[in-house]
N, C-alpha and C. Protein backbone atom coordinates (compact mmCIF):
# COMPACT_ATOMS: atom_id res chain seq x y z
N MET A 1 -83.29 59.16 63.02
CA MET A 1 -82.84 57.68 61.77
C MET A 1 -81.74 57.00 62.70
N ALA A 2 -81.69 55.71 62.72
CA ALA A 2 -81.10 55.10 63.64
C ALA A 2 -79.72 54.74 62.88
N TYR A 3 -78.58 54.62 63.00
CA TYR A 3 -77.52 54.16 62.31
C TYR A 3 -76.83 53.24 62.84
N ASN A 4 -76.47 52.05 62.21
CA ASN A 4 -75.66 50.87 62.53
C ASN A 4 -74.11 51.16 62.52
N LEU A 5 -73.63 51.64 63.72
CA LEU A 5 -72.20 51.87 63.99
C LEU A 5 -71.48 50.81 64.18
N ALA A 6 -71.86 49.45 63.89
CA ALA A 6 -71.42 48.25 64.43
C ALA A 6 -69.99 48.05 63.24
N PRO A 7 -70.23 48.30 61.86
CA PRO A 7 -69.18 48.20 61.13
C PRO A 7 -67.84 48.94 61.05
N LEU A 8 -68.35 50.51 61.32
CA LEU A 8 -67.46 51.20 61.63
C LEU A 8 -66.55 50.96 62.78
N GLN A 9 -67.40 50.67 64.00
CA GLN A 9 -66.52 50.05 65.13
C GLN A 9 -65.70 48.89 64.82
N ASN A 10 -65.89 48.04 64.46
CA ASN A 10 -65.01 46.99 64.05
C ASN A 10 -63.95 47.35 63.06
N LEU A 11 -64.53 48.02 61.81
CA LEU A 11 -62.92 48.64 61.33
C LEU A 11 -62.17 49.16 62.18
N ILE A 12 -62.35 50.10 62.94
CA ILE A 12 -61.66 50.83 64.34
C ILE A 12 -60.92 49.82 65.33
N GLU A 13 -61.66 48.81 65.28
CA GLU A 13 -60.98 47.79 66.09
C GLU A 13 -59.92 46.72 65.43
N GLN A 14 -60.30 46.61 64.02
CA GLN A 14 -59.19 45.83 63.40
C GLN A 14 -58.21 46.90 63.05
N PHE A 15 -58.29 48.30 62.92
CA PHE A 15 -56.89 48.98 62.67
C PHE A 15 -56.07 49.00 64.22
N GLU A 16 -56.87 49.13 65.22
CA GLU A 16 -56.14 49.19 66.55
C GLU A 16 -55.39 47.97 66.80
N ARG A 17 -55.69 46.71 66.03
CA ARG A 17 -54.79 45.61 66.21
C ARG A 17 -53.16 45.63 65.54
N MET A 18 -53.07 46.77 64.71
CA MET A 18 -51.92 46.84 64.24
C MET A 18 -50.91 47.51 65.17
N GLN A 19 -49.77 46.82 65.33
CA GLN A 19 -48.69 47.39 66.19
C GLN A 19 -48.57 48.85 66.00
N GLY A 20 -48.74 49.77 67.15
CA GLY A 20 -48.17 50.99 67.23
C GLY A 20 -49.42 51.93 66.70
N ILE A 21 -50.54 51.60 66.51
CA ILE A 21 -51.73 52.27 66.24
C ILE A 21 -52.68 52.13 67.75
N GLY A 22 -52.95 53.38 67.94
CA GLY A 22 -53.72 53.61 69.13
C GLY A 22 -55.22 53.83 68.55
N HIS A 23 -56.18 54.27 69.59
CA HIS A 23 -57.56 54.36 69.06
C HIS A 23 -57.62 55.73 68.34
N LYS A 24 -57.05 56.75 68.60
CA LYS A 24 -57.53 58.06 68.00
C LYS A 24 -56.94 57.66 66.28
N THR A 25 -55.44 57.21 66.28
CA THR A 25 -55.07 56.97 64.88
C THR A 25 -55.96 55.93 64.29
N ALA A 26 -56.52 55.08 64.98
CA ALA A 26 -57.36 53.99 64.10
C ALA A 26 -58.79 54.75 63.77
N GLN A 27 -59.25 55.68 64.29
CA GLN A 27 -60.38 56.07 64.29
C GLN A 27 -60.04 57.19 62.82
N ARG A 28 -58.81 57.83 62.89
CA ARG A 28 -58.44 58.67 61.80
C ARG A 28 -58.38 57.64 60.45
N MET A 29 -57.84 56.60 60.57
CA MET A 29 -57.89 55.41 59.66
C MET A 29 -59.05 55.10 58.99
N ALA A 30 -60.10 54.75 59.68
CA ALA A 30 -61.45 54.56 59.51
C ALA A 30 -62.22 55.68 58.75
N PHE A 31 -61.97 56.54 59.16
CA PHE A 31 -62.95 57.59 58.67
C PHE A 31 -62.33 57.93 57.43
N TYR A 32 -60.67 57.91 57.04
CA TYR A 32 -60.27 57.83 55.73
C TYR A 32 -60.70 56.91 54.84
N VAL A 33 -61.04 55.61 55.25
CA VAL A 33 -61.45 54.63 54.62
C VAL A 33 -63.01 54.88 53.94
N LEU A 34 -63.64 55.37 55.09
CA LEU A 34 -65.27 55.86 54.69
C LEU A 34 -65.23 56.84 53.72
N ASP A 35 -64.19 57.78 53.97
CA ASP A 35 -64.45 58.84 52.89
C ASP A 35 -63.72 58.44 51.44
N LEU A 36 -63.29 57.15 50.91
CA LEU A 36 -62.88 56.70 49.97
C LEU A 36 -64.39 56.48 49.01
N SER A 37 -64.27 56.76 47.71
CA SER A 37 -65.29 56.20 46.40
C SER A 37 -65.13 55.03 46.86
N ASP A 38 -66.46 54.92 46.26
CA ASP A 38 -66.72 52.89 46.36
C ASP A 38 -65.61 52.31 45.59
N GLU A 39 -65.07 52.86 44.55
CA GLU A 39 -64.28 52.10 43.68
C GLU A 39 -62.85 52.26 44.45
N ASP A 40 -62.35 53.05 45.13
CA ASP A 40 -61.17 53.07 45.79
C ASP A 40 -61.33 52.38 46.84
N ALA A 41 -62.45 52.46 47.68
CA ALA A 41 -62.47 51.42 48.90
C ALA A 41 -62.27 49.71 48.22
N LYS A 42 -63.01 49.50 47.01
CA LYS A 42 -62.70 48.20 46.65
C LYS A 42 -61.26 47.86 46.21
N ARG A 43 -60.42 49.16 45.44
CA ARG A 43 -59.10 48.74 45.35
C ARG A 43 -58.41 48.52 46.75
N PHE A 44 -58.73 49.33 47.87
CA PHE A 44 -57.69 49.19 48.92
C PHE A 44 -57.97 47.71 49.60
N ALA A 45 -59.04 47.68 49.71
CA ALA A 45 -59.71 45.96 50.29
C ALA A 45 -58.86 45.23 49.23
N GLN A 46 -59.09 45.24 48.17
CA GLN A 46 -58.13 44.28 47.11
C GLN A 46 -56.81 44.04 47.35
N ALA A 47 -56.18 45.47 47.63
CA ALA A 47 -54.73 45.38 47.88
C ALA A 47 -54.37 44.60 49.19
N ILE A 48 -55.28 44.82 50.11
CA ILE A 48 -55.01 44.14 51.49
C ILE A 48 -55.07 42.35 51.31
N THR A 49 -56.15 42.03 50.56
CA THR A 49 -56.31 40.88 50.26
C THR A 49 -55.20 40.19 49.36
N ASP A 50 -54.73 40.85 48.08
CA ASP A 50 -53.85 40.34 47.35
C ASP A 50 -52.35 40.39 48.07
N ALA A 51 -51.99 41.37 48.77
CA ALA A 51 -50.95 41.15 49.88
C ALA A 51 -50.96 39.98 50.61
N HIS A 52 -51.99 39.73 51.27
CA HIS A 52 -52.03 38.77 52.31
C HIS A 52 -52.11 37.36 51.60
N THR A 53 -52.50 37.20 50.49
CA THR A 53 -52.75 35.94 49.74
C THR A 53 -51.16 35.64 49.32
N LYS A 54 -50.76 36.55 48.23
CA LYS A 54 -49.51 36.51 47.84
C LYS A 54 -48.38 36.11 48.94
N ASN A 55 -48.57 36.99 50.36
CA ASN A 55 -47.36 36.68 51.13
C ASN A 55 -47.66 35.38 51.52
N GLN A 56 -48.96 34.77 51.66
CA GLN A 56 -49.17 33.22 52.66
C GLN A 56 -48.25 32.50 51.37
N ALA A 57 -48.36 32.65 50.12
CA ALA A 57 -48.02 31.66 49.35
C ALA A 57 -46.47 31.49 49.06
N VAL A 58 -45.87 33.04 49.71
CA VAL A 58 -44.40 33.07 49.75
C VAL A 58 -43.99 32.58 51.09
N GLN A 59 -44.67 32.83 52.17
CA GLN A 59 -44.19 32.31 53.22
C GLN A 59 -44.23 30.65 53.22
N ASN A 60 -44.91 30.20 52.68
CA ASN A 60 -45.44 28.73 52.64
C ASN A 60 -44.18 28.32 51.65
N MET A 61 -43.78 28.61 50.55
CA MET A 61 -42.71 28.36 49.80
C MET A 61 -41.33 28.17 50.40
N LEU A 62 -41.02 29.56 51.16
CA LEU A 62 -39.83 29.55 51.97
C LEU A 62 -39.95 28.42 53.10
N ARG A 63 -41.11 28.01 53.53
CA ARG A 63 -41.22 27.19 54.95
C ARG A 63 -41.10 25.87 54.50
N PHE A 64 -41.76 25.44 53.44
CA PHE A 64 -41.63 24.18 52.88
C PHE A 64 -40.63 24.00 51.77
N GLY A 65 -39.73 25.08 51.39
CA GLY A 65 -38.70 24.70 50.45
C GLY A 65 -39.22 24.60 49.02
N GLY A 66 -40.55 25.01 48.57
CA GLY A 66 -41.05 24.95 47.30
C GLY A 66 -40.59 25.70 46.30
């Protein structure tokens, strides 16, 4: 059976982009995410999206005096 490892590799690479996160730690983080239930994975992804979106709005208000 062939497995598509591209999504796992992409997840590892995204974690590696974080300051101070090396390959080994990125792998551990990726496997942590893979072990999450579907519901927990959705909550995790939503938390990232919410933090990014809300932080962007705050940064824009500060930048433009809104």
